[in-house]
C-alpha atoms as a PDB file:
ATOM      1  CA  MET A   1     -20.736 -35.082  23.910  1.00  0.00           C
ATOM      2  CA  THR A   2     -19.910 -37.963  22.208  1.00  0.00           C
ATOM      3  CA  TRP A   3     -16.464 -38.596  20.295  1.00  0.00           C
ATOM      4  CA  TYR A   4     -17.524 -37.474  17.026  1.00  0.00           C
ATOM      5  CA  SER A   5     -19.056 -34.347  18.203  1.00  0.00           C
ATOM      6  CA  ASN A   6     -15.409 -33.505  19.596  1.00  0.00           C
ATOM      7  CA  ILE A   7     -13.781 -34.159  16.270  1.00  0.00           C
ATOM      8  CA  ARG A   8     -16.621 -31.734  14.786  1.00  0.00           C
ATOM      9  CA  ILE A   9     -15.341 -28.756  17.204  1.00  0.00           C
ATOM     10  CA  MET A  10     -11.306 -29.888  16.925  1.00  0.00           C
ATOM     11  CA  ASN A  11     -12.264 -29.194  12.858  1.00  0.00           C
ATOM     12  CA  MET A  12     -13.820 -26.230  13.087  1.00  0.00           C
ATOM     13  CA  ARG A  13     -11.294 -24.733  15.345  1.00  0.00           C
ATOM     14  CA  LYS A  14      -8.773 -25.193  12.578  1.00  0.00           C
ATOM     15  CA  LEU A  15     -10.727 -24.716   9.653  1.00  0.00           C
ATOM     16  CA  PRO A  16      -8.678 -22.807   6.963  1.00  0.00           C
ATOM     17  CA  SER A  17      -8.292 -18.774   7.453  1.00  0.00           C
ATOM     18  CA  LYS A  18      -7.481 -16.583   4.417  1.00  0.00           C
ATOM     19  CA  PRO A  19      -5.398 -13.536   5.892  1.00  0.00           C
ATOM     20  CA  LEU A  20      -6.542 -10.181   6.133  1.00  0.00           C
ATOM     21  CA  ARG A  21      -4.860  -7.093   4.203  1.00  0.00           C
ATOM     22  CA  PHE A  22      -5.782  -3.586   5.769  1.00  0.00           C
ATOM     23  CA  MET A  23      -6.108  -1.537   2.864  1.00  0.00           C
ATOM     24  CA  GLY A  24      -4.937   2.357   3.359  1.00  0.00           C
ATOM     25  CA  ALA A  25      -5.765   3.174   7.326  1.00  0.00           C
ATOM     26  CA  THR A  26      -8.475   1.020   7.901  1.00  0.00           C
ATOM     27  CA  LEU A  27      -6.781  -0.978  10.715  1.00  0.00           C
ATOM     28  CA  ARG A  28      -5.754   2.144  12.217  1.00  0.00           C
ATOM     29  CA  THR A  29      -9.157   3.406  12.235  1.00  0.00           C
ATOM     30  CA  ILE A  30     -10.578  -0.083  13.768  1.00  0.00           C
ATOM     31  CA  ARG A  31      -8.544   0.047  16.573  1.00  0.00           C
ATOM     32  CA  LYS A  32     -10.108   3.951  16.995  1.00  0.00           C
ATOM     33  CA  PHE A  33     -13.651   1.897  17.465  1.00  0.00           C
ATOM     34  CA  PRO A  34     -14.846   1.630  20.524  1.00  0.00           C
ATOM     35  CA  LYS A  35     -14.107  -2.090  22.374  1.00  0.00           C
ATOM     36  CA  GLU A  36     -17.115  -3.158  22.297  1.00  0.00           C
ATOM     37  CA  ALA A  37     -17.535  -2.242  18.115  1.00  0.00           C
ATOM     38  CA  ARG A  38     -13.731  -3.055  17.486  1.00  0.00           C
ATOM     39  CA  SER A  39     -14.265  -6.204  18.956  1.00  0.00           C
ATOM     40  CA  LEU A  40     -17.548  -7.257  16.837  1.00  0.00           C
ATOM     41  CA  ALA A  41     -15.670  -6.260  13.840  1.00  0.00           C
ATOM     42  CA  GLY A  42     -12.585  -8.379  14.985  1.00  0.00           C
ATOM     43  CA  GLU A  43     -15.590 -11.408  15.276  1.00  0.00           C
ATOM     44  CA  GLY A  44     -17.077 -10.511  11.772  1.00  0.00           C
ATOM     45  CA  LEU A  45     -13.722 -10.412  10.123  1.00  0.00           C
ATOM     46  CA  ARG A  46     -12.886 -14.183  12.019  1.00  0.00           C
ATOM     47  CA  ILE A  47     -16.079 -15.273  10.108  1.00  0.00           C
ATOM     48  CA  VAL A  48     -15.040 -14.044   6.831  1.00  0.00           C
ATOM     49  CA  GLN A  49     -11.416 -15.449   6.776  1.00  0.00           C
ATOM     50  CA  GLN A  50     -13.193 -18.626   7.118  1.00  0.00           C
ATOM     51  CA  GLY A  51     -15.395 -18.286   4.300  1.00  0.00           C
ATOM     52  CA  GLY A  52     -18.443 -17.688   6.266  1.00  0.00           C
ATOM     53  CA  MET A  53     -20.682 -14.515   6.355  1.00  0.00           C
ATOM     54  CA  PRO A  54     -20.756 -12.160   9.295  1.00  0.00           C
ATOM     55  CA  GLU A  55     -24.464 -11.817  10.767  1.00  0.00           C
ATOM     56  CA  ASP A  56     -25.471  -8.111   9.263  1.00  0.00           C
ATOM     57  CA  TRP A  57     -23.877  -7.620   6.240  1.00  0.00           C
ATOM     58  CA  LYS A  58     -25.167  -6.114   2.724  1.00  0.00           C
ATOM     59  CA  GLN A  59     -23.571  -5.736  -0.772  1.00  0.00           C
ATOM     60  CA  MET A  60     -21.855  -2.552  -1.945  1.00  0.00           C
ATOM     61  CA  PRO A  61     -22.178  -2.508  -5.368  1.00  0.00           C
ATOM     62  CA  ASP A  62     -21.232   1.213  -6.047  1.00  0.00           C
ATOM     63  CA  VAL A  63     -18.190   0.308  -4.696  1.00  0.00           C
ATOM     64  CA  GLY A  64     -17.105  -2.899  -6.857  1.00  0.00           C
ATOM     65  CA  GLN A  65     -18.092  -6.406  -7.749  1.00  0.00           C
ATOM     66  CA  GLY A  66     -18.015  -8.382  -4.826  1.00  0.00           C
ATOM     67  CA  VAL A  67     -17.624  -5.082  -2.071  1.00  0.00           C
ATOM     68  CA  LEU A  68     -19.590  -6.189   0.653  1.00  0.00           C
ATOM     69  CA  GLU A  69     -20.007  -3.859   4.284  1.00  0.00           C
ATOM     70  CA  LEU A  70     -20.007  -5.353   7.528  1.00  0.00           C
ATOM     71  CA  ARG A  71     -23.003  -3.463   9.731  1.00  0.00           C
ATOM     72  CA  ILE A  72     -21.919  -3.067  13.651  1.00  0.00           C
ATOM     73  CA  HIS A  73     -24.737  -1.340  15.595  1.00  0.00           C
ATOM     74  CA  LYS A  74     -23.296  -1.458  18.984  1.00  0.00           C
ATOM     75  CA  PRO A  75     -22.295   0.761  20.683  1.00  0.00           C
ATOM     76  CA  HIS A  76     -23.656   2.633  17.548  1.00  0.00           C
ATOM     77  CA  GLU A  77     -23.113   2.519  13.591  1.00  0.00           C
ATOM     78  CA  HIS A  78     -20.066   1.413  12.391  1.00  0.00           C
ATOM     79  CA  ARG A  79     -18.882  -0.100   9.007  1.00  0.00           C
ATOM     80  CA  VAL A  80     -16.120  -2.507   7.620  1.00  0.00           C
ATOM     81  CA  ILE A  81     -16.339  -2.730   3.492  1.00  0.00           C
ATOM     82  CA  TYR A  82     -14.522  -5.664   2.546  1.00  0.00           C
ATOM     83  CA  VAL A  83     -13.934  -7.952  -0.127  1.00  0.00           C
ATOM     84  CA  ALA A  84     -13.558 -11.650   0.199  1.00  0.00           C
ATOM     85  CA  LYS A  85     -13.992 -13.292  -3.237  1.00  0.00           C
ATOM     86  CA  PHE A  86     -10.325 -13.466  -4.074  1.00  0.00           C
ATOM     87  CA  PRO A  87      -8.527 -16.375  -3.112  1.00  0.00           C
ATOM     88  CA  GLU A  88      -5.336 -15.041  -1.764  1.00  0.00           C
ATOM     89  CA  ALA A  89      -6.785 -12.499   0.882  1.00  0.00           C
ATOM     90  CA  VAL A  90     -10.054 -10.684   2.685  1.00  0.00           C
ATOM     91  CA  TYR A  91      -8.894  -7.156   1.716  1.00  0.00           C
ATOM     92  CA  VAL A  92     -10.163  -4.616   3.965  1.00  0.00           C
ATOM     93  CA  LEU A  93     -10.850  -1.783   1.833  1.00  0.00           C
ATOM     94  CA  ASN A  94     -12.978   0.918   4.476  1.00  0.00           C
ATOM     95  CA  ALA A  95     -13.707   1.148   8.050  1.00  0.00           C
ATOM     96  CA  PHE A  96     -15.911   4.043   9.480  1.00  0.00           C
ATOM     97  CA  GLU A  97     -18.338   5.309  11.933  1.00  0.00           C
ATOM     98  CA  LYS A  98     -21.951   6.053  10.453  1.00  0.00           C
ATOM     99  CA  LYS A  99     -23.285   9.231  11.894  1.00  0.00           C
ATOM    100  CA  SER A 100     -26.213   9.451   9.133  1.00  0.00           C
ATOM    101  CA  LYS A 101     -28.706   6.878   7.709  1.00  0.00           C
ATOM    102  CA  LYS A 102     -27.064   6.895   4.627  1.00  0.00           C
ATOM    103  CA  THR A 103     -23.855   6.148   4.399  1.00  0.00           C
ATOM    104  CA  PRO A 104     -21.554   8.688   3.257  1.00  0.00           C
ATOM    105  CA  GLN A 105     -20.747   9.224  -0.722  1.00  0.00           C
ATOM    106  CA  THR A 106     -16.869  10.506   0.444  1.00  0.00           C
ATOM    107  CA  GLU A 107     -16.786   6.773   2.201  1.00  0.00           C
ATOM    108  CA  VAL A 108     -17.890   4.928  -1.094  1.00  0.00           C
ATOM    109  CA  ASP A 109     -16.053   7.532  -3.039  1.00  0.00           C
ATOM    110  CA  GLN A 110     -12.383   6.338  -0.929  1.00  0.00           C
ATOM    111  CA  ALA A 111     -13.512   2.626  -0.958  1.00  0.00           C
ATOM    112  CA  ARG A 112     -14.304   2.647  -4.787  1.00  0.00           C
ATOM    113  CA  ARG A 113     -10.706   4.340  -5.189  1.00  0.00           C
ATOM    114  CA  ILE A 114      -8.712   2.109  -2.555  1.00  0.00           C
ATOM    115  CA  TYR A 115     -10.629  -1.172  -4.305  1.00  0.00           C
ATOM    116  CA  ALA A 116      -9.635   0.332  -7.733  1.00  0.00           C
ATOM    117  CA  GLN A 117      -5.875   0.365  -6.491  1.00  0.00           C
ATOM    118  CA  MET A 118      -6.005  -2.994  -5.146  1.00  0.00           C
ATOM    119  CA  LEU A 119      -7.627  -4.592  -8.237  1.00  0.00           C
ATOM    120  CA  LYS A 120      -4.495  -2.602 -10.269  1.00  0.00           C
ATOM    121  CA  GLU A 121      -1.873  -3.852  -7.928  1.00  0.00           C
ATOM    122  CA  ARG A 122      -3.202  -7.697  -7.732  1.00  0.00           C
ATOM    123  CA  ASN A 123      -2.849  -7.848 -11.806  1.00  0.00           C
ATOM    124  CA  LYS A 124       1.003  -6.944 -11.495  1.00  0.00           C
END
């Protein structure tokens, strides 16, 4: 490894990172995920905190502008809905285990309510 490779690796470890703000019960919910899903959620959110995109995600326009869904497939389906477009933080809006092919409307509605509440509080 050359000296400039070492510098690049050291700089990657020191990337600026936005704080995570867990809305409602999302942190408790993620802590209840199975170990592998919890670990993958943490890795995905860490990437998002540093300005990147996780490996598997999709847009959630039904929830709000800029809202994304982190998709976790192991050991079974879990989702974390978040918004990272604001400079001050990554807001984690909802987290749940997915038991059917389609995302339950109740989870989308809950994320939409939390997103609207978060926007209201941000604008105070």
